[in-house]
Amino acid sequence: MAALLPLFGEVVLNGAEAAGAGSIVSGIFNEFKPVAKKLITDEAGKLVGDYAKNNPDGYVDNILEKSYVHRKKRGRRVG
């Protein structure tokens, strides 16, 4: 049993190191999350917009048009 104590201690230290590294990664992720979210959203919007423009009256174009009309109508009802 005594021979397992150093091994157990090393496992605990490795776990603590992993938790610390995970905390650092989590902190970095949370710091850049808004920037990454905006960049991904902007790029996805450009791709969808380009696809709709290149395929007029297609499924994606129609969905975007309905969404735009719905948003315009909803904005007029407020107030």
PDB file of N, CA and C in Angstrom:
ATOM      1  N   MET A   1       0.823  -1.191   0.000  1.00  0.00           N
ATOM      2  CA  MET A   1       0.000   0.000   0.000  1.00  0.00           C
ATOM      3  C   MET A   1       0.864   1.250   0.000  1.00  0.00           C
ATOM      4  N   ALA A   2       1.923   1.235   0.777  1.00  0.00           N
ATOM      5  CA  ALA A   2       2.808   2.389   0.866  1.00  0.00           C
ATOM      6  C   ALA A   2       3.471   2.673  -0.474  1.00  0.00           C
ATOM      7  N   ALA A   3       3.686   1.630  -1.278  1.00  0.00           N
ATOM      8  CA  ALA A   3       4.305   1.807  -2.588  1.00  0.00           C
ATOM      9  C   ALA A   3       3.381   2.535  -3.547  1.00  0.00           C
ATOM     10  N   LEU A   4       2.092   2.513  -3.294  1.00  0.00           N
ATOM     11  CA  LEU A   4       1.137   3.185  -4.176  1.00  0.00           C
ATOM     12  C   LEU A   4       0.992   4.682  -3.882  1.00  0.00           C
ATOM     13  N   LEU A   5       1.467   5.132  -2.717  1.00  0.00           N
ATOM     14  CA  LEU A   5       1.319   6.541  -2.355  1.00  0.00           C
ATOM     15  C   LEU A   5       2.010   7.483  -3.337  1.00  0.00           C
ATOM     16  N   PRO A   6       3.267   7.220  -3.735  1.00  0.00           N
ATOM     17  CA  PRO A   6       3.891   8.117  -4.722  1.00  0.00           C
ATOM     18  C   PRO A   6       3.133   8.134  -6.053  1.00  0.00           C
ATOM     19  N   LEU A   7       2.641   6.979  -6.460  1.00  0.00           N
ATOM     20  CA  LEU A   7       1.876   6.899  -7.703  1.00  0.00           C
ATOM     21  C   LEU A   7       0.579   7.709  -7.585  1.00  0.00           C
ATOM     22  N   PHE A   8      -0.084   7.571  -6.445  1.00  0.00           N
ATOM     23  CA  PHE A   8      -1.314   8.321  -6.205  1.00  0.00           C
ATOM     24  C   PHE A   8      -1.030   9.830  -6.194  1.00  0.00           C
ATOM     25  N   GLY A   9       0.073  10.211  -5.548  1.00  0.00           N
ATOM     26  CA  GLY A   9       0.466  11.622  -5.507  1.00  0.00           C
ATOM     27  C   GLY A   9       0.713  12.170  -6.902  1.00  0.00           C
ATOM     28  N   GLU A  10       1.346  11.388  -7.741  1.00  0.00           N
ATOM     29  CA  GLU A  10       1.610  11.829  -9.118  1.00  0.00           C
ATOM     30  C   GLU A  10       0.310  11.967  -9.907  1.00  0.00           C
ATOM     31  N   VAL A  11      -0.611  11.046  -9.707  1.00  0.00           N
ATOM     32  CA  VAL A  11      -1.911  11.139 -10.386  1.00  0.00           C
ATOM     33  C   VAL A  11      -2.640  12.408  -9.963  1.00  0.00           C
ATOM     34  N   VAL A  12      -2.602  12.729  -8.677  1.00  0.00           N
ATOM     35  CA  VAL A  12      -3.253  13.943  -8.175  1.00  0.00           C
ATOM     36  C   VAL A  12      -2.600  15.182  -8.778  1.00  0.00           C
ATOM     37  N   LEU A  13      -1.276  15.213  -8.821  1.00  0.00           N
ATOM     38  CA  LEU A  13      -0.573  16.366  -9.394  1.00  0.00           C
ATOM     39  C   LEU A  13      -0.858  16.500 -10.890  1.00  0.00           C
ATOM     40  N   ASN A  14      -0.883  15.381 -11.606  1.00  0.00           N
ATOM     41  CA  ASN A  14      -1.209  15.430 -13.034  1.00  0.00           C
ATOM     42  C   ASN A  14      -2.622  15.947 -13.241  1.00  0.00           C
ATOM     43  N   GLY A  15      -3.541  15.530 -12.383  1.00  0.00           N
ATOM     44  CA  GLY A  15      -4.914  16.026 -12.469  1.00  0.00           C
ATOM     45  C   GLY A  15      -4.981  17.514 -12.200  1.00  0.00           C
ATOM     46  N   ALA A  16      -4.205  17.992 -11.221  1.00  0.00           N
ATOM     47  CA  ALA A  16      -4.186  19.418 -10.904  1.00  0.00           C
ATOM     48  C   ALA A  16      -3.604  20.224 -12.071  1.00  0.00           C
ATOM     49  N   GLU A  17      -2.552  19.696 -12.684  1.00  0.00           N
ATOM     50  CA  GLU A  17      -1.966  20.372 -13.848  1.00  0.00           C
ATOM     51  C   GLU A  17      -2.964  20.434 -14.997  1.00  0.00           C
ATOM     52  N   ALA A  18      -3.656  19.337 -15.228  1.00  0.00           N
ATOM     53  CA  ALA A  18      -4.641  19.302 -16.308  1.00  0.00           C
ATOM     54  C   ALA A  18      -5.772  20.289 -16.032  1.00  0.00           C
ATOM     55  N   ALA A  19      -6.204  20.369 -14.770  1.00  0.00           N
ATOM     56  CA  ALA A  19      -7.272  21.312 -14.414  1.00  0.00           C
ATOM     57  C   ALA A  19      -6.801  22.750 -14.627  1.00  0.00           C
ATOM     58  N   GLY A  20      -5.543  23.011 -14.247  1.00  0.00           N
ATOM     59  CA  GLY A  20      -4.990  24.354 -14.454  1.00  0.00           C
ATOM     60  C   GLY A  20      -4.902  24.698 -15.928  1.00  0.00           C
ATOM     61  N   ALA A  21      -4.452  23.767 -16.733  1.00  0.00           N
ATOM     62  CA  ALA A  21      -4.361  23.994 -18.175  1.00  0.00           C
ATOM     63  C   ALA A  21      -5.755  24.184 -18.760  1.00  0.00           C
ATOM     64  N   GLY A  22      -6.711  23.394 -18.291  1.00  0.00           N
ATOM     65  CA  GLY A  22      -8.093  23.544 -18.759  1.00  0.00           C
ATOM     66  C   GLY A  22      -8.658  24.892 -18.405  1.00  0.00           C
ATOM     67  N   SER A  23      -8.310  25.384 -17.213  1.00  0.00           N
ATOM     68  CA  SER A  23      -8.774  26.701 -16.783  1.00  0.00           C
ATOM     69  C   SER A  23      -8.189  27.800 -17.666  1.00  0.00           C
ATOM     70  N   ILE A  24      -6.933  27.660 -18.027  1.00  0.00           N
ATOM     71  CA  ILE A  24      -6.284  28.644 -18.901  1.00  0.00           C
ATOM     72  C   ILE A  24      -6.950  28.636 -20.274  1.00  0.00           C
ATOM     73  N   VAL A  25      -7.158  27.446 -20.820  1.00  0.00           N
ATOM     74  CA  VAL A  25      -7.802  27.339 -22.131  1.00  0.00           C
ATOM     75  C   VAL A  25      -9.211  27.918 -22.073  1.00  0.00           C
ATOM     76  N   SER A  26      -9.933  27.617 -21.000  1.00  0.00           N
ATOM     77  CA  SER A  26     -11.287  28.142 -20.831  1.00  0.00           C
ATOM     78  C   SER A  26     -11.259  29.670 -20.750  1.00  0.00           C
ATOM     79  N   GLY A  27     -10.297  30.205 -20.017  1.00  0.00           N
ATOM     80  CA  GLY A  27     -10.177  31.658 -19.898  1.00  0.00           C
ATOM     81  C   GLY A  27      -9.880  32.320 -21.237  1.00  0.00           C
ATOM     82  N   ILE A  28      -8.982  31.723 -22.002  1.00  0.00           N
ATOM     83  CA  ILE A  28      -8.650  32.262 -23.329  1.00  0.00           C
ATOM     84  C   ILE A  28      -9.865  32.180 -24.243  1.00  0.00           C
ATOM     85  N   PHE A  29     -10.549  31.037 -24.208  1.00  0.00           N
ATOM     86  CA  PHE A  29     -11.753  30.865 -25.033  1.00  0.00           C
ATOM     87  C   PHE A  29     -12.798  31.923 -24.693  1.00  0.00           C
ATOM     88  N   ASN A  30     -13.037  32.130 -23.400  1.00  0.00           N
ATOM     89  CA  ASN A  30     -14.041  33.117 -22.990  1.00  0.00           C
ATOM     90  C   ASN A  30     -13.635  34.535 -23.377  1.00  0.00           C
ATOM     91  N   GLU A  31     -12.341  34.812 -23.393  1.00  0.00           N
ATOM     92  CA  GLU A  31     -11.857  36.143 -23.773  1.00  0.00           C
ATOM     93  C   GLU A  31     -12.110  36.427 -25.253  1.00  0.00           C
ATOM     94  N   PHE A  32     -11.886  35.429 -26.099  1.00  0.00           N
ATOM     95  CA  PHE A  32     -12.009  35.625 -27.546  1.00  0.00           C
ATOM     96  C   PHE A  32     -13.348  35.162 -28.108  1.00  0.00           C
ATOM     97  N   LYS A  33     -14.220  34.624 -27.278  1.00  0.00           N
ATOM     98  CA  LYS A  33     -15.507  34.089 -27.720  1.00  0.00           C
ATOM     99  C   LYS A  33     -16.345  35.131 -28.465  1.00  0.00           C
ATOM    100  N   PRO A  34     -16.512  36.362 -27.947  1.00  0.00           N
ATOM    101  CA  PRO A  34     -17.317  37.342 -28.699  1.00  0.00           C
ATOM    102  C   PRO A  34     -16.725  37.675 -30.063  1.00  0.00           C
ATOM    103  N   VAL A  35     -15.406  37.794 -30.138  1.00  0.00           N
ATOM    104  CA  VAL A  35     -14.744  38.121 -31.405  1.00  0.00           C
ATOM    105  C   VAL A  35     -14.926  36.975 -32.395  1.00  0.00           C
ATOM    106  N   ALA A  36     -14.706  35.758 -31.934  1.00  0.00           N
ATOM    107  CA  ALA A  36     -14.850  34.593 -32.813  1.00  0.00           C
ATOM    108  C   ALA A  36     -16.300  34.436 -33.256  1.00  0.00           C
ATOM    109  N   LYS A  37     -17.231  34.650 -32.357  1.00  0.00           N
ATOM    110  CA  LYS A  37     -18.652  34.514 -32.688  1.00  0.00           C
ATOM    111  C   LYS A  37     -19.041  35.520 -33.773  1.00  0.00           C
ATOM    112  N   LYS A  38     -18.578  36.762 -33.635  1.00  0.00           N
ATOM    113  CA  LYS A  38     -18.900  37.784 -34.634  1.00  0.00           C
ATOM    114  C   LYS A  38     -18.267  37.448 -35.974  1.00  0.00           C
ATOM    115  N   LEU A  39     -17.018  37.016 -35.954  1.00  0.00           N
ATOM    116  CA  LEU A  39     -16.321  36.675 -37.196  1.00  0.00           C
ATOM    117  C   LEU A  39     -17.014  35.513 -37.904  1.00  0.00           C
ATOM    118  N   ILE A  40     -17.360  34.472 -37.150  1.00  0.00           N
ATOM    119  CA  ILE A  40     -18.022  33.312 -37.746  1.00  0.00           C
ATOM    120  C   ILE A  40     -19.391  33.692 -38.283  1.00  0.00           C
ATOM    121  N   THR A  41     -20.125  34.485 -37.517  1.00  0.00           N
ATOM    122  CA  THR A  41     -21.457  34.917 -37.948  1.00  0.00           C
ATOM    123  C   THR A  41     -21.373  35.771 -39.209  1.00  0.00           C
ATOM    124  N   ASP A  42     -20.432  36.699 -39.239  1.00  0.00           N
ATOM    125  CA  ASP A  42     -20.266  37.558 -40.417  1.00  0.00           C
ATOM    126  C   ASP A  42     -19.917  36.734 -41.652  1.00  0.00           C
ATOM    127  N   GLU A  43     -18.978  35.806 -41.504  1.00  0.00           N
ATOM    128  CA  GLU A  43     -18.563  34.989 -42.645  1.00  0.00           C
ATOM    129  C   GLU A  43     -19.697  34.085 -43.117  1.00  0.00           C
ATOM    130  N   ALA A  44     -20.421  33.495 -42.174  1.00  0.00           N
ATOM    131  CA  ALA A  44     -21.554  32.638 -42.549  1.00  0.00           C
ATOM    132  C   ALA A  44     -22.616  33.466 -43.265  1.00  0.00           C
ATOM    133  N   GLY A  45     -22.868  34.677 -42.780  1.00  0.00           N
ATOM    134  CA  GLY A  45     -23.843  35.554 -43.428  1.00  0.00           C
ATOM    135  C   GLY A  45     -23.437  35.900 -44.851  1.00  0.00           C
ATOM    136  N   LYS A  46     -22.148  36.165 -45.048  1.00  0.00           N
ATOM    137  CA  LYS A  46     -21.660  36.462 -46.403  1.00  0.00           C
ATOM    138  C   LYS A  46     -21.840  35.269 -47.334  1.00  0.00           C
ATOM    139  N   LEU A  47     -21.509  34.080 -46.830  1.00  0.00           N
ATOM    140  CA  LEU A  47     -21.645  32.881 -47.659  1.00  0.00           C
ATOM    141  C   LEU A  47     -23.108  32.634 -48.035  1.00  0.00           C
ATOM    142  N   VAL A  48     -24.002  32.760 -47.068  1.00  0.00           N
ATOM    143  CA  VAL A  48     -25.423  32.537 -47.340  1.00  0.00           C
ATOM    144  C   VAL A  48     -25.950  33.609 -48.290  1.00  0.00           C
ATOM    145  N   GLY A  49     -25.554  34.861 -48.061  1.00  0.00           N
ATOM    146  CA  GLY A  49     -25.987  35.949 -48.939  1.00  0.00           C
ATOM    147  C   GLY A  49     -25.491  35.774 -50.370  1.00  0.00           C
ATOM    148  N   ASP A  50     -24.226  35.382 -50.498  1.00  0.00           N
ATOM    149  CA  ASP A  50     -23.674  35.142 -51.842  1.00  0.00           C
ATOM    150  C   ASP A  50     -24.395  33.990 -52.535  1.00  0.00           C
ATOM    151  N   TYR A  51     -24.680  32.936 -51.784  1.00  0.00           N
ATOM    152  CA  TYR A  51     -25.376  31.793 -52.368  1.00  0.00           C
ATOM    153  C   TYR A  51     -26.773  32.205 -52.833  1.00  0.00           C
ATOM    154  N   ALA A  52     -27.473  32.979 -52.001  1.00  0.00           N
ATOM    155  CA  ALA A  52     -28.820  33.434 -52.366  1.00  0.00           C
ATOM    156  C   ALA A  52     -28.773  34.342 -53.588  1.00  0.00           C
ATOM    157  N   LYS A  53     -27.764  35.197 -53.656  1.00  0.00           N
ATOM    158  CA  LYS A  53     -27.630  36.113 -54.795  1.00  0.00           C
ATOM    159  C   LYS A  53     -27.326  35.350 -56.087  1.00  0.00           C
ATOM    160  N   ASN A  54     -26.521  34.303 -55.975  1.00  0.00           N
ATOM    161  CA  ASN A  54     -26.155  33.511 -57.151  1.00  0.00           C
ATOM    162  C   ASN A  54     -27.242  32.534 -57.579  1.00  0.00           C
ATOM    163  N   ASN A  55     -28.227  32.318 -56.721  1.00  0.00           N
ATOM    164  CA  ASN A  55     -29.330  31.399 -57.016  1.00  0.00           C
ATOM    165  C   ASN A  55     -30.660  32.094 -56.737  1.00  0.00           C
ATOM    166  N   PRO A  56     -30.997  33.114 -57.543  1.00  0.00           N
ATOM    167  CA  PRO A  56     -32.238  33.841 -57.281  1.00  0.00           C
ATOM    168  C   PRO A  56     -33.454  32.916 -57.405  1.00  0.00           C
ATOM    169  N   ASP A  57     -34.443  33.191 -56.598  1.00  0.00           N
ATOM    170  CA  ASP A  57     -35.670  32.397 -56.530  1.00  0.00           C
ATOM    171  C   ASP A  57     -35.428  30.958 -56.101  1.00  0.00           C
ATOM    172  N   GLY A  58     -34.280  30.708 -55.517  1.00  0.00           N
ATOM    173  CA  GLY A  58     -34.000  29.382 -54.966  1.00  0.00           C
ATOM    174  C   GLY A  58     -34.530  29.288 -53.543  1.00  0.00           C
ATOM    175  N   TYR A  59     -34.347  28.146 -52.943  1.00  0.00           N
ATOM    176  CA  TYR A  59     -34.852  27.880 -51.602  1.00  0.00           C
ATOM    177  C   TYR A  59     -34.264  28.858 -50.582  1.00  0.00           C
ATOM    178  N   VAL A  60     -32.941  29.045 -50.588  1.00  0.00           N
ATOM    179  CA  VAL A  60     -32.277  29.930 -49.628  1.00  0.00           C
ATOM    180  C   VAL A  60     -32.717  31.370 -49.855  1.00  0.00           C
ATOM    181  N   ASP A  61     -32.782  31.800 -51.102  1.00  0.00           N
ATOM    182  CA  ASP A  61     -33.206  33.161 -51.415  1.00  0.00           C
ATOM    183  C   ASP A  61     -34.630  33.413 -50.911  1.00  0.00           C
ATOM    184  N   ASN A  62     -35.512  32.463 -51.117  1.00  0.00           N
ATOM    185  CA  ASN A  62     -36.896  32.612 -50.658  1.00  0.00           C
ATOM    186  C   ASN A  62     -36.991  32.675 -49.137  1.00  0.00           C
ATOM    187  N   ILE A  63     -36.218  31.859 -48.453  1.00  0.00           N
ATOM    188  CA  ILE A  63     -36.226  31.890 -46.984  1.00  0.00           C
ATOM    189  C   ILE A  63     -35.733  33.240 -46.479  1.00  0.00           C
ATOM    190  N   LEU A  64     -34.657  33.746 -47.067  1.00  0.00           N
ATOM    191  CA  LEU A  64     -34.138  35.049 -46.649  1.00  0.00           C
ATOM    192  C   LEU A  64     -35.150  36.152 -46.918  1.00  0.00           C
ATOM    193  N   GLU A  65     -35.813  36.091 -48.034  1.00  0.00           N
ATOM    194  CA  GLU A  65     -36.819  37.110 -48.379  1.00  0.00           C
ATOM    195  C   GLU A  65     -37.984  37.056 -47.387  1.00  0.00           C
ATOM    196  N   LYS A  66     -38.477  35.862 -47.069  1.00  0.00           N
ATOM    197  CA  LYS A  66     -39.575  35.733 -46.108  1.00  0.00           C
ATOM    198  C   LYS A  66     -39.156  36.235 -44.735  1.00  0.00           C
ATOM    199  N   SER A  67     -37.925  35.943 -44.347  1.00  0.00           N
ATOM    200  CA  SER A  67     -37.419  36.404 -43.056  1.00  0.00           C
ATOM    201  C   SER A  67     -37.346  37.931 -43.026  1.00  0.00           C
ATOM    202  N   TYR A  68     -36.883  38.531 -44.104  1.00  0.00           N
ATOM    203  CA  TYR A  68     -36.780  39.985 -44.197  1.00  0.00           C
ATOM    204  C   TYR A  68     -38.164  40.628 -44.122  1.00  0.00           C
ATOM    205  N   VAL A  69     -39.116  40.093 -44.857  1.00  0.00           N
ATOM    206  CA  VAL A  69     -40.479  40.640 -44.865  1.00  0.00           C
ATOM    207  C   VAL A  69     -41.105  40.490 -43.478  1.00  0.00           C
ATOM    208  N   HIS A  70     -40.919  39.338 -42.856  1.00  0.00           N
ATOM    209  CA  HIS A  70     -41.467  39.101 -41.518  1.00  0.00           C
ATOM    210  C   HIS A  70     -40.887  40.089 -40.513  1.00  0.00           C
ATOM    211  N   ARG A  71     -39.581  40.310 -40.574  1.00  0.00           N
ATOM    212  CA  ARG A  71     -38.930  41.232 -39.649  1.00  0.00           C
ATOM    213  C   ARG A  71     -39.423  42.654 -39.870  1.00  0.00           C
ATOM    214  N   LYS A  72     -39.612  43.048 -41.138  1.00  0.00           N
ATOM    215  CA  LYS A  72     -40.131  44.386 -41.431  1.00  0.00           C
ATOM    216  C   LYS A  72     -41.535  44.556 -40.866  1.00  0.00           C
ATOM    217  N   LYS A  73     -42.397  43.574 -41.074  1.00  0.00           N
ATOM    218  CA  LYS A  73     -43.768  43.646 -40.564  1.00  0.00           C
ATOM    219  C   LYS A  73     -43.781  43.700 -39.044  1.00  0.00           C
ATOM    220  N   ARG A  74     -42.974  42.875 -38.426  1.00  0.00           N
ATOM    221  CA  ARG A  74     -42.939  42.821 -36.972  1.00  0.00           C
ATOM    222  C   ARG A  74     -42.477  44.149 -36.399  1.00  0.00           C
ATOM    223  N   GLY A  75     -41.550  44.809 -37.076  1.00  0.00           N
ATOM    224  CA  GLY A  75     -41.058  46.105 -36.616  1.00  0.00           C
ATOM    225  C   GLY A  75     -42.116  47.173 -36.674  1.00  0.00           C
ATOM    226  N   ARG A  76     -43.022  47.096 -37.630  1.00  0.00           N
ATOM    227  CA  ARG A  76     -44.071  48.104 -37.759  1.00  0.00           C
ATOM    228  C   ARG A  76     -45.145  47.962 -36.688  1.00  0.00           C
ATOM    229  N   ARG A  77     -45.371  46.746 -36.199  1.00  0.00           N
ATOM    230  CA  ARG A  77     -46.409  46.520 -35.198  1.00  0.00           C
ATOM    231  C   ARG A  77     -46.016  47.040 -33.826  1.00  0.00           C
ATOM    232  N   VAL A  78     -44.716  47.132 -33.579  1.00  0.00           N
ATOM    233  CA  VAL A  78     -44.247  47.571 -32.252  1.00  0.00           C
ATOM    234  C   VAL A  78     -44.514  49.054 -32.124  1.00  0.00           C
ATOM    235  N   GLY A  79     -45.048  49.454 -30.968  1.00  0.00           N
ATOM    236  CA  GLY A  79     -45.211  50.882 -30.714  1.00  0.00           C
ATOM    237  C   GLY A  79     -46.591  51.235 -30.563  1.00  0.00           C
TER     238      GLY A  79
END
